[in-house]
Amino acid sequence: SVVATAKHRKYGNVDMRLGLLMIVGPPSGSRRATTI
């Protein structure tokens, strides 16, 4: 994701607002691992 975002940002294909909203995802993934 980091590599792809850096590449696509050069082309103007990155929506920064959506990206900031998607930061919520990884903490929920760690909660899933704890639940599993």
All heavy atoms as atom14 arrays in JSON, in Angstrom:
{
  "sequence": "SVVATAKHRKYGNVDMRLGLLMIVGPPSGSRRATTI",
  "atom14_mask": [
    [1, 1, 1, 1, 1, 1, 0, 0, 0, 0, 0, 0, 0, 0],
    [1, 1, 1, 1, 1, 1, 1, 0, 0, 0, 0, 0, 0, 0],
    [1, 1, 1, 1, 1, 1, 1, 0, 0, 0, 0, 0, 0, 0],
    [1, 1, 1, 1, 1, 0, 0, 0, 0, 0, 0, 0, 0, 0],
    [1, 1, 1, 1, 1, 1, 1, 0, 0, 0, 0, 0, 0, 0],
    [1, 1, 1, 1, 1, 0, 0, 0, 0, 0, 0, 0, 0, 0],
    [1, 1, 1, 1, 1, 1, 1, 1, 1, 0, 0, 0, 0, 0],
    [1, 1, 1, 1, 1, 1, 1, 1, 1, 1, 0, 0, 0, 0],
    [1, 1, 1, 1, 1, 1, 1, 1, 1, 1, 1, 0, 0, 0],
    [1, 1, 1, 1, 1, 1, 1, 1, 1, 0, 0, 0, 0, 0],
    [1, 1, 1, 1, 1, 1, 1, 1, 1, 1, 1, 1, 0, 0],
    [1, 1, 1, 1, 0, 0, 0, 0, 0, 0, 0, 0, 0, 0],
    [1, 1, 1, 1, 1, 1, 1, 1, 0, 0, 0, 0, 0, 0],
    [1, 1, 1, 1, 1, 1, 1, 0, 0, 0, 0, 0, 0, 0],
    [1, 1, 1, 1, 1, 1, 1, 1, 0, 0, 0, 0, 0, 0],
    [1, 1, 1, 1, 1, 1, 1, 1, 0, 0, 0, 0, 0, 0],
    [1, 1, 1, 1, 1, 1, 1, 1, 1, 1, 1, 0, 0, 0],
    [1, 1, 1, 1, 1, 1, 1, 1, 0, 0, 0, 0, 0, 0],
    [1, 1, 1, 1, 0, 0, 0, 0, 0, 0, 0, 0, 0, 0],
    [1, 1, 1, 1, 1, 1, 1, 1, 0, 0, 0, 0, 0, 0],
    [1, 1, 1, 1, 1, 1, 1, 1, 0, 0, 0, 0, 0, 0],
    [1, 1, 1, 1, 1, 1, 1, 1, 0, 0, 0, 0, 0, 0],
    [1, 1, 1, 1, 1, 1, 1, 1, 0, 0, 0, 0, 0, 0],
    [1, 1, 1, 1, 1, 1, 1, 0, 0, 0, 0, 0, 0, 0],
    [1, 1, 1, 1, 0, 0, 0, 0, 0, 0, 0, 0, 0, 0],
    [1, 1, 1, 1, 1, 1, 1, 0, 0, 0, 0, 0, 0, 0],
    [1, 1, 1, 1, 1, 1, 1, 0, 0, 0, 0, 0, 0, 0],
    [1, 1, 1, 1, 1, 1, 0, 0, 0, 0, 0, 0, 0, 0],
    [1, 1, 1, 1, 0, 0, 0, 0, 0, 0, 0, 0, 0, 0],
    [1, 1, 1, 1, 1, 1, 0, 0, 0, 0, 0, 0, 0, 0],
    [1, 1, 1, 1, 1, 1, 1, 1, 1, 1, 1, 0, 0, 0],
    [1, 1, 1, 1, 1, 1, 1, 1, 1, 1, 1, 0, 0, 0],
    [1, 1, 1, 1, 1, 0, 0, 0, 0, 0, 0, 0, 0, 0],
    [1, 1, 1, 1, 1, 1, 1, 0, 0, 0, 0, 0, 0, 0],
    [1, 1, 1, 1, 1, 1, 1, 0, 0, 0, 0, 0, 0, 0],
    [1, 1, 1, 1, 1, 1, 1, 1, 0, 0, 0, 0, 0, 0]
  ],
  "atom14_positions": [
    [[0.81, -1.21, 0.0], [0.0, 0.0, 0.0], [0.85, 1.26, 0.0], [0.54, 2.22, -0.7], [-0.93, 0.01, 1.22], [-1.81, -1.07, 1.17], [0.0, 0.0, 0.0], [0.0, 0.0, 0.0], [0.0, 0.0, 0.0], [0.0, 0.0, 0.0], [0.0, 0.0, 0.0], [0.0, 0.0, 0.0], [0.0, 0.0, 0.0], [0.0, 0.0, 0.0]],
    [[1.91, 1.26, 0.78], [2.79, 2.44, 0.83], [3.43, 2.7, -0.53], [3.44, 3.83, -1.03], [3.85, 2.27, 1.94], [4.93, 3.33, 1.83], [3.2, 2.31, 3.3], [0.0, 0.0, 0.0], [0.0, 0.0, 0.0], [0.0, 0.0, 0.0], [0.0, 0.0, 0.0], [0.0, 0.0, 0.0], [0.0, 0.0, 0.0], [0.0, 0.0, 0.0]],
    [[3.95, 1.65, -1.14], [4.61, 1.8, -2.44], [3.6, 2.23, -3.51], [3.86, 3.15, -4.3], [5.32, 0.48, -2.84], [5.83, 0.54, -4.26], [6.44, 0.18, -1.87], [0.0, 0.0, 0.0], [0.0, 0.0, 0.0], [0.0, 0.0, 0.0], [0.0, 0.0, 0.0], [0.0, 0.0, 0.0], [0.0, 0.0, 0.0], [0.0, 0.0, 0.0]],
    [[2.44, 1.6, -3.55], [1.43, 1.94, -4.55], [0.9, 3.35, -4.35], [0.68, 4.08, -5.33], [0.29, 0.93, -4.49], [0.0, 0.0, 0.0], [0.0, 0.0, 0.0], [0.0, 0.0, 0.0], [0.0, 0.0, 0.0], [0.0, 0.0, 0.0], [0.0, 0.0, 0.0], [0.0, 0.0, 0.0], [0.0, 0.0, 0.0], [0.0, 0.0, 0.0]],
    [[0.7, 3.77, -3.12], [0.21, 5.11, -2.85], [1.21, 6.16, -3.29], [0.85, 7.18, -3.89], [-0.11, 5.28, -1.35], [-1.09, 4.32, -0.98], [-0.64, 6.66, -1.05], [0.0, 0.0, 0.0], [0.0, 0.0, 0.0], [0.0, 0.0, 0.0], [0.0, 0.0, 0.0], [0.0, 0.0, 0.0], [0.0, 0.0, 0.0], [0.0, 0.0, 0.0]],
    [[2.49, 5.93, -3.01], [3.52, 6.88, -3.43], [3.55, 7.01, -4.95], [3.65, 8.12, -5.49], [4.88, 6.45, -2.9], [0.0, 0.0, 0.0], [0.0, 0.0, 0.0], [0.0, 0.0, 0.0], [0.0, 0.0, 0.0], [0.0, 0.0, 0.0], [0.0, 0.0, 0.0], [0.0, 0.0, 0.0], [0.0, 0.0, 0.0], [0.0, 0.0, 0.0]],
    [[3.44, 5.91, -5.63], [3.46, 5.93, -7.1], [2.22, 6.64, -7.65], [2.34, 7.5, -8.54], [3.52, 4.49, -7.62], [3.69, 4.36, -9.08], [5.08, 4.77, -9.49], [5.33, 4.38, -10.94], [6.64, 4.74, -11.37], [0.0, 0.0, 0.0], [0.0, 0.0, 0.0], [0.0, 0.0, 0.0], [0.0, 0.0, 0.0], [0.0, 0.0, 0.0]],
    [[1.05, 6.32, -7.14], [-0.18, 6.91, -7.66], [-0.34, 8.38, -7.27], [-1.03, 9.14, -7.95], [-1.39, 6.1, -7.23], [-1.61, 4.89, -8.07], [-2.23, 4.95, -9.29], [-1.26, 3.59, -7.88], [-2.26, 3.74, -9.82], [-1.68, 2.9, -8.98], [0.0, 0.0, 0.0], [0.0, 0.0, 0.0], [0.0, 0.0, 0.0], [0.0, 0.0, 0.0]],
    [[0.28, 8.78, -6.17], [0.2, 10.19, -5.78], [0.89, 11.07, -6.8], [0.47, 12.2, -7.06], [0.79, 10.38, -4.39], [0.54, 11.77, -3.88], [0.75, 11.89, -2.42], [0.36, 13.24, -2.03], [0.79, 13.83, -0.96], [1.61, 13.2, -0.16], [0.4, 15.04, -0.68], [0.0, 0.0, 0.0], [0.0, 0.0, 0.0], [0.0, 0.0, 0.0]],
    [[1.96, 10.55, -7.4], [2.65, 11.3, -8.45], [1.73, 11.58, -9.63], [1.85, 12.61, -10.29], [3.88, 10.53, -8.94], [5.01, 10.47, -7.95], [6.17, 9.71, -8.54], [7.27, 9.55, -7.53], [8.39, 8.75, -8.06], [0.0, 0.0, 0.0], [0.0, 0.0, 0.0], [0.0, 0.0, 0.0], [0.0, 0.0, 0.0], [0.0, 0.0, 0.0]],
    [[0.82, 10.66, -9.91], [-0.11, 10.81, -11.03], [-1.4, 11.54, -10.65], [-2.27, 11.73, -11.5], [-0.47, 9.44, -11.61], [0.71, 8.68, -12.15], [0.97, 7.39, -11.72], [1.56, 9.25, -13.09], [2.04, 6.68, -12.23], [2.64, 8.55, -13.59], [2.87, 7.26, -13.16], [3.94, 6.58, -13.66], [0.0, 0.0, 0.0], [0.0, 0.0, 0.0]],
    [[-1.54, 11.9, -9.38], [-2.74, 12.61, -8.93], [-3.95, 11.71, -8.73], [-5.08, 12.17, -8.77], [0.0, 0.0, 0.0], [0.0, 0.0, 0.0], [0.0, 0.0, 0.0], [0.0, 0.0, 0.0], [0.0, 0.0, 0.0], [0.0, 0.0, 0.0], [0.0, 0.0, 0.0], [0.0, 0.0, 0.0], [0.0, 0.0, 0.0], [0.0, 0.0, 0.0]],
    [[-3.71, 10.41, -8.5], [-4.8, 9.45, -8.35], [-5.17, 9.16, -6.9], [-5.91, 8.22, -6.65], [-4.43, 8.13, -9.02], [-4.25, 8.28, -10.5], [-4.82, 9.15, -11.12], [-3.43, 7.42, -11.08], [0.0, 0.0, 0.0], [0.0, 0.0, 0.0], [0.0, 0.0, 0.0], [0.0, 0.0, 0.0], [0.0, 0.0, 0.0], [0.0, 0.0, 0.0]],
    [[-4.66, 9.92, -5.95], [-4.87, 9.6, -4.54], [-5.84, 10.61, -3.93], [-5.64, 11.82, -4.01], [-3.53, 9.61, -3.76], [-3.77, 9.38, -2.28], [-2.61, 8.55, -4.32], [0.0, 0.0, 0.0], [0.0, 0.0, 0.0], [0.0, 0.0, 0.0], [0.0, 0.0, 0.0], [0.0, 0.0, 0.0], [0.0, 0.0, 0.0], [0.0, 0.0, 0.0]],
    [[-6.9, 10.1, -3.33], [-7.85, 10.93, -2.59], [-7.41, 10.93, -1.13], [-7.56, 9.93, -0.42], [-9.26, 10.35, -2.74], [-10.33, 11.17, -2.05], [-10.0, 12.21, -1.44], [-11.51, 10.78, -2.15], [0.0, 0.0, 0.0], [0.0, 0.0, 0.0], [0.0, 0.0, 0.0], [0.0, 0.0, 0.0], [0.0, 0.0, 0.0], [0.0, 0.0, 0.0]],
    [[-6.86, 12.04, -0.69], [-6.28, 12.1, 0.66], [-7.35, 11.94, 1.75], [-7.08, 11.31, 2.76], [-5.52, 13.42, 0.85], [-4.29, 13.54, -0.03], [-3.12, 12.19, 0.18], [-2.42, 12.59, 1.75], [0.0, 0.0, 0.0], [0.0, 0.0, 0.0], [0.0, 0.0, 0.0], [0.0, 0.0, 0.0], [0.0, 0.0, 0.0], [0.0, 0.0, 0.0]],
    [[-8.55, 12.49, 1.54], [-9.6, 12.33, 2.55], [-9.96, 10.87, 2.74], [-10.09, 10.38, 3.86], [-10.86, 13.1, 2.15], [-10.82, 14.55, 2.47], [-12.14, 15.21, 2.27], [-12.93, 14.56, 1.24], [-14.06, 14.99, 0.77], [-14.56, 16.1, 1.22], [-14.72, 14.34, -0.17], [0.0, 0.0, 0.0], [0.0, 0.0, 0.0], [0.0, 0.0, 0.0]],
    [[-10.12, 10.15, 1.64], [-10.45, 8.73, 1.73], [-9.3, 7.96, 2.38], [-9.53, 7.07, 3.2], [-10.74, 8.16, 0.34], [-11.09, 6.69, 0.28], [-12.32, 6.39, 1.1], [-11.27, 6.26, -1.16], [0.0, 0.0, 0.0], [0.0, 0.0, 0.0], [0.0, 0.0, 0.0], [0.0, 0.0, 0.0], [0.0, 0.0, 0.0], [0.0, 0.0, 0.0]],
    [[-8.08, 8.32, 2.05], [-6.92, 7.66, 2.66], [-6.88, 7.84, 4.16], [-6.58, 6.91, 4.91], [0.0, 0.0, 0.0], [0.0, 0.0, 0.0], [0.0, 0.0, 0.0], [0.0, 0.0, 0.0], [0.0, 0.0, 0.0], [0.0, 0.0, 0.0], [0.0, 0.0, 0.0], [0.0, 0.0, 0.0], [0.0, 0.0, 0.0], [0.0, 0.0, 0.0]],
    [[-7.19, 9.04, 4.61], [-7.21, 9.29, 6.06], [-8.31, 8.49, 6.74], [-8.13, 7.99, 7.85], [-7.36, 10.78, 6.34], [-6.16, 11.64, 5.94], [-6.48, 13.12, 6.11], [-4.94, 11.25, 6.75], [0.0, 0.0, 0.0], [0.0, 0.0, 0.0], [0.0, 0.0, 0.0], [0.0, 0.0, 0.0], [0.0, 0.0, 0.0], [0.0, 0.0, 0.0]],
    [[-9.45, 8.35, 6.07], [-10.53, 7.54, 6.64], [-10.13, 6.06, 6.72], [-10.54, 5.34, 7.63], [-11.8, 7.69, 5.82], [-12.53, 9.01, 5.94], [-13.67, 9.08, 4.93], [-13.04, 9.21, 7.34], [0.0, 0.0, 0.0], [0.0, 0.0, 0.0], [0.0, 0.0, 0.0], [0.0, 0.0, 0.0], [0.0, 0.0, 0.0], [0.0, 0.0, 0.0]],
    [[-9.34, 5.61, 5.77], [-8.96, 4.19, 5.73], [-7.89, 3.84, 6.77], [-7.6, 2.67, 6.97], [-8.49, 3.82, 4.33], [-9.62, 3.84, 3.32], [-9.1, 3.46, 1.67], [-8.68, 1.74, 1.85], [0.0, 0.0, 0.0], [0.0, 0.0, 0.0], [0.0, 0.0, 0.0], [0.0, 0.0, 0.0], [0.0, 0.0, 0.0], [0.0, 0.0, 0.0]],
    [[-7.33, 4.82, 7.44], [-6.36, 4.55, 8.49], [-7.02, 3.79, 9.64], [-6.35, 3.11, 10.41], [-5.7, 5.86, 8.96], [-4.78, 6.37, 7.85], [-4.95, 5.7, 10.25], [-4.15, 7.71, 8.13], [0.0, 0.0, 0.0], [0.0, 0.0, 0.0], [0.0, 0.0, 0.0], [0.0, 0.0, 0.0], [0.0, 0.0, 0.0], [0.0, 0.0, 0.0]],
    [[-8.32, 3.85, 9.73], [-9.06, 3.16, 10.79], [-8.92, 1.64, 10.65], [-9.03, 0.91, 11.63], [-10.54, 3.59, 10.77], [-11.36, 2.83, 11.78], [-10.63, 5.08, 11.0], [0.0, 0.0, 0.0], [0.0, 0.0, 0.0], [0.0, 0.0, 0.0], [0.0, 0.0, 0.0], [0.0, 0.0, 0.0], [0.0, 0.0, 0.0], [0.0, 0.0, 0.0]],
    [[-8.66, 1.12, 9.46], [-8.64, -0.32, 9.2], [-7.64, -1.15, 9.99], [-8.02, -2.16, 10.59], [0.0, 0.0, 0.0], [0.0, 0.0, 0.0], [0.0, 0.0, 0.0], [0.0, 0.0, 0.0], [0.0, 0.0, 0.0], [0.0, 0.0, 0.0], [0.0, 0.0, 0.0], [0.0, 0.0, 0.0], [0.0, 0.0, 0.0], [0.0, 0.0, 0.0]],
    [[-6.37, -0.8, 10.05], [-5.41, -1.65, 10.75], [-5.7, -1.91, 12.22], [-5.55, -3.04, 12.68], [-4.08, -0.91, 10.56], [-4.26, -0.17, 9.29], [-5.71, 0.24, 9.28], [0.0, 0.0, 0.0], [0.0, 0.0, 0.0], [0.0, 0.0, 0.0], [0.0, 0.0, 0.0], [0.0, 0.0, 0.0], [0.0, 0.0, 0.0], [0.0, 0.0, 0.0]],
    [[-6.15, -0.91, 13.0], [-6.48, -1.25, 14.4], [-7.6, -2.29, 14.51], [-7.57, -3.14, 15.38], [-6.91, 0.08, 15.01], [-6.24, 1.11, 14.19], [-6.2, 0.54, 12.79], [0.0, 0.0, 0.0], [0.0, 0.0, 0.0], [0.0, 0.0, 0.0], [0.0, 0.0, 0.0], [0.0, 0.0, 0.0], [0.0, 0.0, 0.0], [0.0, 0.0, 0.0]],
    [[-8.57, -2.25, 13.6], [-9.63, -3.25, 13.66], [-9.08, -4.62, 13.29], [-9.56, -5.64, 13.79], [-10.79, -2.86, 12.74], [-10.39, -2.91, 11.39], [0.0, 0.0, 0.0], [0.0, 0.0, 0.0], [0.0, 0.0, 0.0], [0.0, 0.0, 0.0], [0.0, 0.0, 0.0], [0.0, 0.0, 0.0], [0.0, 0.0, 0.0], [0.0, 0.0, 0.0]],
    [[-8.05, -4.67, 12.44], [-7.41, -5.95, 12.11], [-6.72, -6.56, 13.3], [-6.76, -7.78, 13.51], [0.0, 0.0, 0.0], [0.0, 0.0, 0.0], [0.0, 0.0, 0.0], [0.0, 0.0, 0.0], [0.0, 0.0, 0.0], [0.0, 0.0, 0.0], [0.0, 0.0, 0.0], [0.0, 0.0, 0.0], [0.0, 0.0, 0.0], [0.0, 0.0, 0.0]],
    [[-6.07, -5.74, 14.12], [-5.42, -6.3, 15.31], [-6.45, -6.78, 16.32], [-6.22, -7.76, 17.02], [-4.48, -5.26, 15.94], [-5.22, -4.15, 16.4], [0.0, 0.0, 0.0], [0.0, 0.0, 0.0], [0.0, 0.0, 0.0], [0.0, 0.0, 0.0], [0.0, 0.0, 0.0], [0.0, 0.0, 0.0], [0.0, 0.0, 0.0], [0.0, 0.0, 0.0]],
    [[-7.6, -6.12, 16.37], [-8.67, -6.6, 17.25], [-9.19, -7.95, 16.76], [-9.52, -8.82, 17.54], [-9.81, -5.58, 17.32], [-9.53, -4.48, 18.3], [-10.73, -3.56, 18.47], [-10.25, -2.24, 18.09], [-10.7, -1.52, 17.08], [-11.7, -1.95, 16.36], [-10.19, -0.35, 16.8], [0.0, 0.0, 0.0], [0.0, 0.0, 0.0], [0.0, 0.0, 0.0]],
    [[-9.27, -8.12, 15.42], [-9.71, -9.4, 14.88], [-8.74, -10.5, 15.27], [-9.15, -11.6, 15.62], [-9.83, -9.32, 13.36], [-11.08, -8.66, 12.88], [-11.2, -8.82, 11.38], [-10.08, -8.18, 10.72], [-10.16, -7.1, 9.99], [-11.31, -6.53, 9.78], [-9.09, -6.58, 9.43], [0.0, 0.0, 0.0], [0.0, 0.0, 0.0], [0.0, 0.0, 0.0]],
    [[-7.43, -10.23, 15.19], [-6.44, -11.24, 15.55], [-6.58, -11.62, 17.02], [-6.51, -12.81, 17.37], [-5.04, -10.73, 15.26], [0.0, 0.0, 0.0], [0.0, 0.0, 0.0], [0.0, 0.0, 0.0], [0.0, 0.0, 0.0], [0.0, 0.0, 0.0], [0.0, 0.0, 0.0], [0.0, 0.0, 0.0], [0.0, 0.0, 0.0], [0.0, 0.0, 0.0]],
    [[-6.81, -10.64, 17.88], [-6.99, -10.92, 19.31], [-8.24, -11.76, 19.52], [-8.24, -12.71, 20.31], [-7.11, -9.6, 20.09], [-5.95, -8.81, 19.83], [-7.23, -9.84, 21.57], [0.0, 0.0, 0.0], [0.0, 0.0, 0.0], [0.0, 0.0, 0.0], [0.0, 0.0, 0.0], [0.0, 0.0, 0.0], [0.0, 0.0, 0.0], [0.0, 0.0, 0.0]],
    [[-9.3, -11.45, 18.81], [-10.55, -12.21, 18.94], [-10.35, -13.64, 18.45], [-10.82, -14.59, 19.1], [-11.67, -11.53, 18.13], [-11.81, -10.19, 18.59], [-12.98, -12.27, 18.28], [0.0, 0.0, 0.0], [0.0, 0.0, 0.0], [0.0, 0.0, 0.0], [0.0, 0.0, 0.0], [0.0, 0.0, 0.0], [0.0, 0.0, 0.0], [0.0, 0.0, 0.0]],
    [[-9.65, -13.82, 17.34], [-9.39, -15.17, 16.81], [-8.58, -15.98, 17.82], [-8.88, -17.16, 18.06], [-8.64, -15.09, 15.46], [-9.52, -14.46, 14.39], [-8.14, -16.45, 15.03], [-10.64, -15.34, 13.89], [0.0, 0.0, 0.0], [0.0, 0.0, 0.0], [0.0, 0.0, 0.0], [0.0, 0.0, 0.0], [0.0, 0.0, 0.0], [0.0, 0.0, 0.0]]
  ]
}
